[in-house]
Amino acid sequence: MGAATTIVNAKVFDGTTSQDWTSVRFAYGLITECSVASAAQEGDEVIDAGGGTVLPGLIDAHVHLVPGGTDRGGLGLSKDHLRHRGSMALAGP
């Protein structure tokens, strides 16, 4: 995986309004660029949102505490699944 990830072909909602941006680039946990044109740079991991909604900066603090909840394997949350879910906060097309 590259040092940065860029989500393209998206609708971007900033928590207040829908933006005209269709691309969000982030690296090392920080949003580095939002733009109408693709913000992808050489070496980026590029994720096509397929017209879905991206909510940059949204932190979902909703949790359910369950026995064994700290055991990723017991809940079927592989590292690949967690990486994918963390990279794409999509609400659907």
PDB file of N, CA and C in Angstrom:
ATOM      1  N   MET A   1       0.844  -1.173   0.000  1.00  0.00           N
ATOM      2  CA  MET A   1       0.000   0.000   0.000  1.00  0.00           C
ATOM      3  C   MET A   1       0.887   1.233   0.000  1.00  0.00           C
ATOM      4  N   GLY A   2       0.495   2.245  -0.770  1.00  0.00           N
ATOM      5  CA  GLY A   2       1.257   3.485  -0.835  1.00  0.00           C
ATOM      6  C   GLY A   2       1.127   4.291   0.443  1.00  0.00           C
ATOM      7  N   ALA A   3       1.858   5.383   0.499  1.00  0.00           N
ATOM      8  CA  ALA A   3       1.837   6.236   1.681  1.00  0.00           C
ATOM      9  C   ALA A   3       0.525   6.991   1.810  1.00  0.00           C
ATOM     10  N   ALA A   4      -0.212   7.127   0.723  1.00  0.00           N
ATOM     11  CA  ALA A   4      -1.458   7.885   0.742  1.00  0.00           C
ATOM     12  C   ALA A   4      -2.555   7.101   0.045  1.00  0.00           C
ATOM     13  N   THR A   5      -3.790   7.455   0.368  1.00  0.00           N
ATOM     14  CA  THR A   5      -4.962   6.861  -0.257  1.00  0.00           C
ATOM     15  C   THR A   5      -5.812   7.983  -0.814  1.00  0.00           C
ATOM     16  N   THR A   6      -6.349   7.792  -2.012  1.00  0.00           N
ATOM     17  CA  THR A   6      -7.240   8.778  -2.618  1.00  0.00           C
ATOM     18  C   THR A   6      -8.544   8.090  -2.980  1.00  0.00           C
ATOM     19  N   ILE A   7      -9.645   8.676  -2.518  1.00  0.00           N
ATOM     20  CA  ILE A   7     -10.976   8.190  -2.876  1.00  0.00           C
ATOM     21  C   ILE A   7     -11.474   9.080  -4.002  1.00  0.00           C
ATOM     22  N   VAL A   8     -11.889   8.465  -5.104  1.00  0.00           N
ATOM     23  CA  VAL A   8     -12.363   9.210  -6.275  1.00  0.00           C
ATOM     24  C   VAL A   8     -13.798   8.809  -6.591  1.00  0.00           C
ATOM     25  N   ASN A   9     -14.456   9.581  -7.466  1.00  0.00           N
ATOM     26  CA  ASN A   9     -15.812   9.292  -7.917  1.00  0.00           C
ATOM     27  C   ASN A   9     -16.771   9.248  -6.738  1.00  0.00           C
ATOM     28  N   ALA A  10     -16.694  10.268  -5.883  1.00  0.00           N
ATOM     29  CA  ALA A  10     -17.478  10.291  -4.656  1.00  0.00           C
ATOM     30  C   ALA A  10     -18.309  11.567  -4.539  1.00  0.00           C
ATOM     31  N   LYS A  11     -19.331  11.490  -3.707  1.00  0.00           N
ATOM     32  CA  LYS A  11     -20.049  12.665  -3.247  1.00  0.00           C
ATOM     33  C   LYS A  11     -19.471  12.933  -1.861  1.00  0.00           C
ATOM     34  N   VAL A  12     -19.083  14.165  -1.567  1.00  0.00           N
ATOM     35  CA  VAL A  12     -18.440  14.464  -0.292  1.00  0.00           C
ATOM     36  C   VAL A  12     -19.368  15.317   0.563  1.00  0.00           C
ATOM     37  N   PHE A  13     -19.654  14.831   1.763  1.00  0.00           N
ATOM     38  CA  PHE A  13     -20.468  15.566   2.730  1.00  0.00           C
ATOM     39  C   PHE A  13     -19.572  15.904   3.910  1.00  0.00           C
ATOM     40  N   ASP A  14     -19.429  17.192   4.219  1.00  0.00           N
ATOM     41  CA  ASP A  14     -18.495  17.626   5.262  1.00  0.00           C
ATOM     42  C   ASP A  14     -19.132  17.746   6.643  1.00  0.00           C
ATOM     43  N   GLY A  15     -20.345  17.269   6.791  1.00  0.00           N
ATOM     44  CA  GLY A  15     -21.027  17.359   8.071  1.00  0.00           C
ATOM     45  C   GLY A  15     -22.047  18.476   8.101  1.00  0.00           C
ATOM     46  N   THR A  16     -21.944  19.396   7.158  1.00  0.00           N
ATOM     47  CA  THR A  16     -22.875  20.517   7.060  1.00  0.00           C
ATOM     48  C   THR A  16     -23.536  20.567   5.695  1.00  0.00           C
ATOM     49  N   THR A  17     -22.728  20.484   4.643  1.00  0.00           N
ATOM     50  CA  THR A  17     -23.253  20.567   3.282  1.00  0.00           C
ATOM     51  C   THR A  17     -22.554  19.559   2.375  1.00  0.00           C
ATOM     52  N   SER A  18     -23.214  19.256   1.262  1.00  0.00           N
ATOM     53  CA  SER A  18     -22.560  18.446   0.232  1.00  0.00           C
ATOM     54  C   SER A  18     -21.629  19.356  -0.542  1.00  0.00           C
ATOM     55  N   GLN A  19     -20.402  18.911  -0.737  1.00  0.00           N
ATOM     56  CA  GLN A  19     -19.402  19.696  -1.443  1.00  0.00           C
ATOM     57  C   GLN A  19     -19.370  19.316  -2.919  1.00  0.00           C
ATOM     58  N   ASP A  20     -18.785  20.169  -3.734  1.00  0.00           N
ATOM     59  CA  ASP A  20     -18.620  19.875  -5.154  1.00  0.00           C
ATOM     60  C   ASP A  20     -17.462  18.912  -5.403  1.00  0.00           C
ATOM     61  N   TRP A  21     -16.642  18.663  -4.373  1.00  0.00           N
ATOM     62  CA  TRP A  21     -15.490  17.782  -4.528  1.00  0.00           C
ATOM     63  C   TRP A  21     -15.943  16.369  -4.879  1.00  0.00           C
ATOM     64  N   THR A  22     -15.144  15.683  -5.664  1.00  0.00           N
ATOM     65  CA  THR A  22     -15.406  14.269  -5.953  1.00  0.00           C
ATOM     66  C   THR A  22     -14.208  13.407  -5.576  1.00  0.00           C
ATOM     67  N   SER A  23     -13.172  14.022  -4.989  1.00  0.00           N
ATOM     68  CA  SER A  23     -11.954  13.315  -4.661  1.00  0.00           C
ATOM     69  C   SER A  23     -11.420  13.790  -3.312  1.00  0.00           C
ATOM     70  N   VAL A  24     -11.028  12.828  -2.473  1.00  0.00           N
ATOM     71  CA  VAL A  24     -10.438  13.137  -1.168  1.00  0.00           C
ATOM     72  C   VAL A  24      -9.164  12.322  -1.037  1.00  0.00           C
ATOM     73  N   ARG A  25      -8.067  12.997  -0.731  1.00  0.00           N
ATOM     74  CA  ARG A  25      -6.775  12.319  -0.555  1.00  0.00           C
ATOM     75  C   ARG A  25      -6.361  12.453   0.898  1.00  0.00           C
ATOM     76  N   PHE A  26      -5.886  11.349   1.487  1.00  0.00           N
ATOM     77  CA  PHE A  26      -5.403  11.431   2.859  1.00  0.00           C
ATOM     78  C   PHE A  26      -4.147  10.584   3.015  1.00  0.00           C
ATOM     79  N   ALA A  27      -3.306  11.013   3.948  1.00  0.00           N
ATOM     80  CA  ALA A  27      -2.053  10.317   4.224  1.00  0.00           C
ATOM     81  C   ALA A  27      -1.759  10.414   5.712  1.00  0.00           C
ATOM     82  N   TYR A  28      -1.322   9.311   6.285  1.00  0.00           N
ATOM     83  CA  TYR A  28      -0.922   9.276   7.689  1.00  0.00           C
ATOM     84  C   TYR A  28      -2.002   9.834   8.611  1.00  0.00           C
ATOM     85  N   GLY A  29      -3.269   9.531   8.299  1.00  0.00           N
ATOM     86  CA  GLY A  29      -4.368   9.932   9.158  1.00  0.00           C
ATOM     87  C   GLY A  29      -4.874  11.345   8.963  1.00  0.00           C
ATOM     88  N   LEU A  30      -4.338  12.073   7.989  1.00  0.00           N
ATOM     89  CA  LEU A  30      -4.758  13.451   7.749  1.00  0.00           C
ATOM     90  C   LEU A  30      -5.277  13.630   6.330  1.00  0.00           C
ATOM     91  N   ILE A  31      -6.336  14.411   6.184  1.00  0.00           N
ATOM     92  CA  ILE A  31      -6.814  14.760   4.850  1.00  0.00           C
ATOM     93  C   ILE A  31      -5.836  15.786   4.282  1.00  0.00           C
ATOM     94  N   THR A  32      -5.299  15.488   3.108  1.00  0.00           N
ATOM     95  CA  THR A  32      -4.302  16.384   2.522  1.00  0.00           C
ATOM     96  C   THR A  32      -4.850  17.193   1.353  1.00  0.00           C
ATOM     97  N   GLU A  33      -5.948  16.720   0.738  1.00  0.00           N
ATOM     98  CA  GLU A  33      -6.498  17.448  -0.400  1.00  0.00           C
ATOM     99  C   GLU A  33      -7.916  16.980  -0.686  1.00  0.00           C
ATOM    100  N   CYS A  34      -8.775  17.928  -1.041  1.00  0.00           N
ATOM    101  CA  CYS A  34     -10.126  17.648  -1.541  1.00  0.00           C
ATOM    102  C   CYS A  34     -10.274  18.448  -2.816  1.00  0.00           C
ATOM    103  N   SER A  35     -10.767  17.816  -3.878  1.00  0.00           N
ATOM    104  CA  SER A  35     -10.861  18.541  -5.144  1.00  0.00           C
ATOM    105  C   SER A  35     -11.928  17.947  -6.050  1.00  0.00           C
ATOM    106  N   VAL A  36     -12.315  18.729  -7.051  1.00  0.00           N
ATOM    107  CA  VAL A  36     -13.273  18.262  -8.051  1.00  0.00           C
ATOM    108  C   VAL A  36     -12.592  17.243  -8.971  1.00  0.00           C
ATOM    109  N   ALA A  37     -11.365  17.529  -9.387  1.00  0.00           N
ATOM    110  CA  ALA A  37     -10.588  16.580 -10.204  1.00  0.00           C
ATOM    111  C   ALA A  37      -9.922  15.569  -9.272  1.00  0.00           C
ATOM    112  N   SER A  38      -9.470  14.462  -9.816  1.00  0.00           N
ATOM    113  CA  SER A  38      -8.797  13.462  -8.999  1.00  0.00           C
ATOM    114  C   SER A  38      -7.582  14.060  -8.301  1.00  0.00           C
ATOM    115  N   ALA A  39      -7.500  13.832  -7.008  1.00  0.00           N
ATOM    116  CA  ALA A  39      -6.362  14.308  -6.219  1.00  0.00           C
ATOM    117  C   ALA A  39      -5.258  13.255  -6.139  1.00  0.00           C
ATOM    118  N   ALA A  40      -5.445  12.128  -6.809  1.00  0.00           N
ATOM    119  CA  ALA A  40      -4.487  11.022  -6.737  1.00  0.00           C
ATOM    120  C   ALA A  40      -3.122  11.426  -7.279  1.00  0.00           C
ATOM    121  N   GLN A  41      -2.107  10.949  -6.591  1.00  0.00           N
ATOM    122  CA  GLN A  41      -0.730  11.142  -7.031  1.00  0.00           C
ATOM    123  C   GLN A  41      -0.108   9.772  -7.269  1.00  0.00           C
ATOM    124  N   GLU A  42       0.963   9.749  -8.028  1.00  0.00           N
ATOM    125  CA  GLU A  42       1.642   8.497  -8.333  1.00  0.00           C
ATOM    126  C   GLU A  42       1.993   7.766  -7.039  1.00  0.00           C
ATOM    127  N   GLY A  43       1.662   6.485  -6.980  1.00  0.00           N
ATOM    128  CA  GLY A  43       1.960   5.664  -5.814  1.00  0.00           C
ATOM    129  C   GLY A  43       0.817   5.572  -4.817  1.00  0.00           C
ATOM    130  N   ASP A  44      -0.223   6.397  -4.983  1.00  0.00           N
ATOM    131  CA  ASP A  44      -1.372   6.344  -4.074  1.00  0.00           C
ATOM    132  C   ASP A  44      -2.175   5.069  -4.286  1.00  0.00           C
ATOM    133  N   GLU A  45      -2.791   4.588  -3.228  1.00  0.00           N
ATOM    134  CA  GLU A  45      -3.837   3.581  -3.359  1.00  0.00           C
ATOM    135  C   GLU A  45      -5.079   4.374  -3.758  1.00  0.00           C
ATOM    136  N   VAL A  46      -5.737   4.002  -4.852  1.00  0.00           N
ATOM    137  CA  VAL A  46      -6.911   4.718  -5.328  1.00  0.00           C
ATOM    138  C   VAL A  46      -8.134   3.829  -5.136  1.00  0.00           C
ATOM    139  N   ILE A  47      -9.144   4.383  -4.479  1.00  0.00           N
ATOM    140  CA  ILE A  47     -10.395   3.673  -4.229  1.00  0.00           C
ATOM    141  C   ILE A  47     -11.498   4.392  -4.983  1.00  0.00           C
ATOM    142  N   ASP A  48     -12.204   3.662  -5.852  1.00  0.00           N
ATOM    143  CA  ASP A  48     -13.324   4.230  -6.598  1.00  0.00           C
ATOM    144  C   ASP A  48     -14.577   4.073  -5.755  1.00  0.00           C
ATOM    145  N   ALA A  49     -15.155   5.180  -5.323  1.00  0.00           N
ATOM    146  CA  ALA A  49     -16.341   5.157  -4.464  1.00  0.00           C
ATOM    147  C   ALA A  49     -17.607   4.822  -5.236  1.00  0.00           C
ATOM    148  N   GLY A  50     -17.543   4.808  -6.558  1.00  0.00           N
ATOM    149  CA  GLY A  50     -18.701   4.434  -7.361  1.00  0.00           C
ATOM    150  C   GLY A  50     -19.901   5.336  -7.140  1.00  0.00           C
ATOM    151  N   GLY A  51     -19.651   6.604  -6.854  1.00  0.00           N
ATOM    152  CA  GLY A  51     -20.742   7.550  -6.636  1.00  0.00           C
ATOM    153  C   GLY A  51     -21.277   7.564  -5.213  1.00  0.00           C
ATOM    154  N   GLY A  52     -20.671   6.774  -4.334  1.00  0.00           N
ATOM    155  CA  GLY A  52     -21.097   6.739  -2.933  1.00  0.00           C
ATOM    156  C   GLY A  52     -20.722   8.017  -2.210  1.00  0.00           C
ATOM    157  N   THR A  53     -21.248   8.180  -1.010  1.00  0.00           N
ATOM    158  CA  THR A  53     -20.992   9.375  -0.211  1.00  0.00           C
ATOM    159  C   THR A  53     -19.827   9.133   0.727  1.00  0.00           C
ATOM    160  N   VAL A  54     -18.880  10.069   0.744  1.00  0.00           N
ATOM    161  CA  VAL A  54     -17.726  10.008   1.633  1.00  0.00           C
ATOM    162  C   VAL A  54     -17.924  11.054   2.717  1.00  0.00           C
ATOM    163  N   LEU A  55     -17.654  10.658   3.945  1.00  0.00           N
ATOM    164  CA  LEU A  55     -17.811  11.548   5.090  1.00  0.00           C
ATOM    165  C   LEU A  55     -16.451  11.758   5.742  1.00  0.00           C
ATOM    166  N   PRO A  56     -15.594  12.616   5.160  1.00  0.00           N
ATOM    167  CA  PRO A  56     -14.240  12.776   5.708  1.00  0.00           C
ATOM    168  C   PRO A  56     -14.275  13.343   7.120  1.00  0.00           C
ATOM    169  N   GLY A  57     -13.476  12.752   7.975  1.00  0.00           N
ATOM    170  CA  GLY A  57     -13.376  13.221   9.350  1.00  0.00           C
ATOM    171  C   GLY A  57     -14.413  12.637  10.280  1.00  0.00           C
ATOM    172  N   LEU A  58     -15.363  11.856   9.763  1.00  0.00           N
ATOM    173  CA  LEU A  58     -16.384  11.259  10.620  1.00  0.00           C
ATOM    174  C   LEU A  58     -15.750  10.196  11.497  1.00  0.00           C
ATOM    175  N   ILE A  59     -16.005  10.282  12.763  1.00  0.00           N
ATOM    176  CA  ILE A  59     -15.550   9.260  13.699  1.00  0.00           C
ATOM    177  C   ILE A  59     -16.795   8.607  14.273  1.00  0.00           C
ATOM    178  N   ASP A  60     -16.952   7.324  14.028  1.00  0.00           N
ATOM    179  CA  ASP A  60     -18.104   6.590  14.529  1.00  0.00           C
ATOM    180  C   ASP A  60     -17.760   6.048  15.905  1.00  0.00           C
ATOM    181  N   ALA A  61     -18.297   6.678  16.938  1.00  0.00           N
ATOM    182  CA  ALA A  61     -18.009   6.258  18.310  1.00  0.00           C
ATOM    183  C   ALA A  61     -19.037   5.265  18.825  1.00  0.00           C
ATOM    184  N   HIS A  62     -19.929   4.799  17.971  1.00  0.00           N
ATOM    185  CA  HIS A  62     -20.955   3.836  18.354  1.00  0.00           C
ATOM    186  C   HIS A  62     -20.326   2.457  18.503  1.00  0.00           C
ATOM    187  N   VAL A  63     -20.419   1.884  19.674  1.00  0.00           N
ATOM    188  CA  VAL A  63     -19.841   0.558  19.911  1.00  0.00           C
ATOM    189  C   VAL A  63     -20.822  -0.316  20.680  1.00  0.00           C
ATOM    190  N   HIS A  64     -20.640  -1.615  20.578  1.00  0.00           N
ATOM    191  CA  HIS A  64     -21.362  -2.585  21.383  1.00  0.00           C
ATOM    192  C   HIS A  64     -20.323  -3.403  22.128  1.00  0.00           C
ATOM    193  N   LEU A  65     -20.368  -3.378  23.442  1.00  0.00           N
ATOM    194  CA  LEU A  65     -19.438  -4.158  24.233  1.00  0.00           C
ATOM    195  C   LEU A  65     -19.994  -5.566  24.373  1.00  0.00           C
ATOM    196  N   VAL A  66     -19.214  -6.538  23.907  1.00  0.00           N
ATOM    197  CA  VAL A  66     -19.633  -7.939  23.953  1.00  0.00           C
ATOM    198  C   VAL A  66     -18.506  -8.780  24.526  1.00  0.00           C
ATOM    199  N   PRO A  67     -18.848  -9.893  25.157  1.00  0.00           N
ATOM    200  CA  PRO A  67     -17.784 -10.778  25.635  1.00  0.00           C
ATOM    201  C   PRO A  67     -16.869 -11.171  24.480  1.00  0.00           C
ATOM    202  N   GLY A  68     -15.585 -11.104  24.693  1.00  0.00           N
ATOM    203  CA  GLY A  68     -14.621 -11.454  23.654  1.00  0.00           C
ATOM    204  C   GLY A  68     -14.457 -10.357  22.626  1.00  0.00           C
ATOM    205  N   GLY A  69     -14.982  -9.178  22.886  1.00  0.00           N
ATOM    206  CA  GLY A  69     -14.969  -8.085  21.919  1.00  0.00           C
ATOM    207  C   GLY A  69     -13.590  -7.591  21.541  1.00  0.00           C
ATOM    208  N   THR A  70     -12.597  -7.881  22.380  1.00  0.00           N
ATOM    209  CA  THR A  70     -11.246  -7.448  22.038  1.00  0.00           C
ATOM    210  C   THR A  70     -10.530  -8.464  21.160  1.00  0.00           C
ATOM    211  N   ASP A  71     -11.157  -9.597  20.927  1.00  0.00           N
ATOM    212  CA  ASP A  71     -10.575 -10.647  20.083  1.00  0.00           C
ATOM    213  C   ASP A  71     -11.068 -10.453  18.650  1.00  0.00           C
ATOM    214  N   ARG A  72     -10.256  -9.806  17.804  1.00  0.00           N
ATOM    215  CA  ARG A  72     -10.655  -9.536  16.417  1.00  0.00           C
ATOM    216  C   ARG A  72     -11.113 -10.789  15.698  1.00  0.00           C
ATOM    217  N   GLY A  73     -10.399 -11.898  15.908  1.00  0.00           N
ATOM    218  CA  GLY A  73     -10.731 -13.135  15.218  1.00  0.00           C
ATOM    219  C   GLY A  73     -12.109 -13.657  15.610  1.00  0.00           C
ATOM    220  N   GLY A  74     -12.469 -13.511  16.889  1.00  0.00           N
ATOM    221  CA  GLY A  74     -13.758 -13.976  17.360  1.00  0.00           C
ATOM    222  C   GLY A  74     -14.917 -13.217  16.737  1.00  0.00           C
ATOM    223  N   LEU A  75     -14.690 -12.006  16.311  1.00  0.00           N
ATOM    224  CA  LEU A  75     -15.747 -11.207  15.696  1.00  0.00           C
ATOM    225  C   LEU A  75     -15.639 -11.191  14.178  1.00  0.00           C
ATOM    226  N   GLY A  76     -14.662 -11.890  13.630  1.00  0.00           N
ATOM    227  CA  GLY A  76     -14.506 -11.943  12.178  1.00  0.00           C
ATOM    228  C   GLY A  76     -13.995 -10.636  11.603  1.00  0.00           C
ATOM    229  N   LEU A  77     -13.228  -9.897  12.375  1.00  0.00           N
ATOM    230  CA  LEU A  77     -12.700  -8.620  11.883  1.00  0.00           C
ATOM    231  C   LEU A  77     -11.223  -8.779  11.568  1.00  0.00           C
ATOM    232  N   SER A  78     -10.943  -9.249  10.376  1.00  0.00           N
ATOM    233  CA  SER A  78      -9.562  -9.432   9.966  1.00  0.00           C
ATOM    234  C   SER A  78      -8.903  -8.075   9.764  1.00  0.00           C
ATOM    235  N   LYS A  79      -7.587  -8.044   9.739  1.00  0.00           N
ATOM    236  CA  LYS A  79      -6.866  -6.792   9.494  1.00  0.00           C
ATOM    237  C   LYS A  79      -7.247  -6.199   8.144  1.00  0.00           C
ATOM    238  N   ASP A  80      -7.417  -7.052   7.112  1.00  0.00           N
ATOM    239  CA  ASP A  80      -7.815  -6.557   5.791  1.00  0.00           C
ATOM    240  C   ASP A  80      -9.187  -5.916   5.851  1.00  0.00           C
ATOM    241  N   HIS A  81     -10.120  -6.539   6.591  1.00  0.00           N
ATOM    242  CA  HIS A  81     -11.466  -5.982   6.713  1.00  0.00           C
ATOM    243  C   HIS A  81     -11.415  -4.631   7.429  1.00  0.00           C
ATOM    244  N   LEU A  82     -10.636  -4.557   8.518  1.00  0.00           N
ATOM    245  CA  LEU A  82     -10.534  -3.302   9.259  1.00  0.00           C
ATOM    246  C   LEU A  82      -9.902  -2.210   8.403  1.00  0.00           C
ATOM    247  N   ARG A  83      -8.868  -2.545   7.626  1.00  0.00           N
ATOM    248  CA  ARG A  83      -8.220  -1.557   6.764  1.00  0.00           C
ATOM    249  C   ARG A  83      -9.215  -1.049   5.735  1.00  0.00           C
ATOM    250  N   HIS A  84      -9.964  -1.960   5.136  1.00  0.00           N
ATOM    251  CA  HIS A  84     -10.933  -1.586   4.109  1.00  0.00           C
ATOM    252  C   HIS A  84     -12.015  -0.686   4.708  1.00  0.00           C
ATOM    253  N   ARG A  85     -12.552  -1.048   5.866  1.00  0.00           N
ATOM    254  CA  ARG A  85     -13.609  -0.255   6.487  1.00  0.00           C
ATOM    255  C   ARG A  85     -13.075   1.110   6.908  1.00  0.00           C
ATOM    256  N   GLY A  86     -11.826   1.174   7.365  1.00  0.00           N
ATOM    257  CA  GLY A  86     -11.256   2.461   7.766  1.00  0.00           C
ATOM    258  C   GLY A  86     -11.000   3.365   6.602  1.00  0.00           C
ATOM    259  N   SER A  87     -10.722   2.799   5.436  1.00  0.00           N
ATOM    260  CA  SER A  87     -10.431   3.614   4.261  1.00  0.00           C
ATOM    261  C   SER A  87     -11.678   4.114   3.578  1.00  0.00           C
ATOM    262  N   MET A  88     -12.758   3.393   3.707  1.00  0.00           N
ATOM    263  CA  MET A  88     -13.954   3.760   2.958  1.00  0.00           C
ATOM    264  C   MET A  88     -15.137   3.940   3.895  1.00  0.00           C
ATOM    265  N   ALA A  89     -15.467   5.152   4.209  1.00  0.00           N
ATOM    266  CA  ALA A  89     -16.665   5.443   4.990  1.00  0.00           C
ATOM    267  C   ALA A  89     -17.749   5.830   3.982  1.00  0.00           C
ATOM    268  N   LEU A  90     -18.262   4.850   3.280  1.00  0.00           N
ATOM    269  CA  LEU A  90     -19.226   5.112   2.223  1.00  0.00           C
ATOM    270  C   LEU A  90     -20.645   4.822   2.690  1.00  0.00           C
ATOM    271  N   ALA A  91     -21.557   5.710   2.345  1.00  0.00           N
ATOM    272  CA  ALA A  91     -22.948   5.515   2.708  1.00  0.00           C
ATOM    273  C   ALA A  91     -23.755   4.921   1.559  1.00  0.00           C
ATOM    274  N   GLY A  92     -23.143   4.604   0.451  1.00  0.00           N
ATOM    275  CA  GLY A  92     -23.831   4.009  -0.688  1.00  0.00           C
ATOM    276  C   GLY A  92     -24.152   5.038  -1.757  1.00  0.00           C
ATOM    277  N   PRO A  93     -24.484   4.557  -2.967  1.00  0.00           N
ATOM    278  CA  PRO A  93     -24.732   5.483  -4.065  1.00  0.00           C
ATOM    279  C   PRO A  93     -26.001   6.292  -3.872  1.00  0.00           C
TER     280      PRO A  93
END
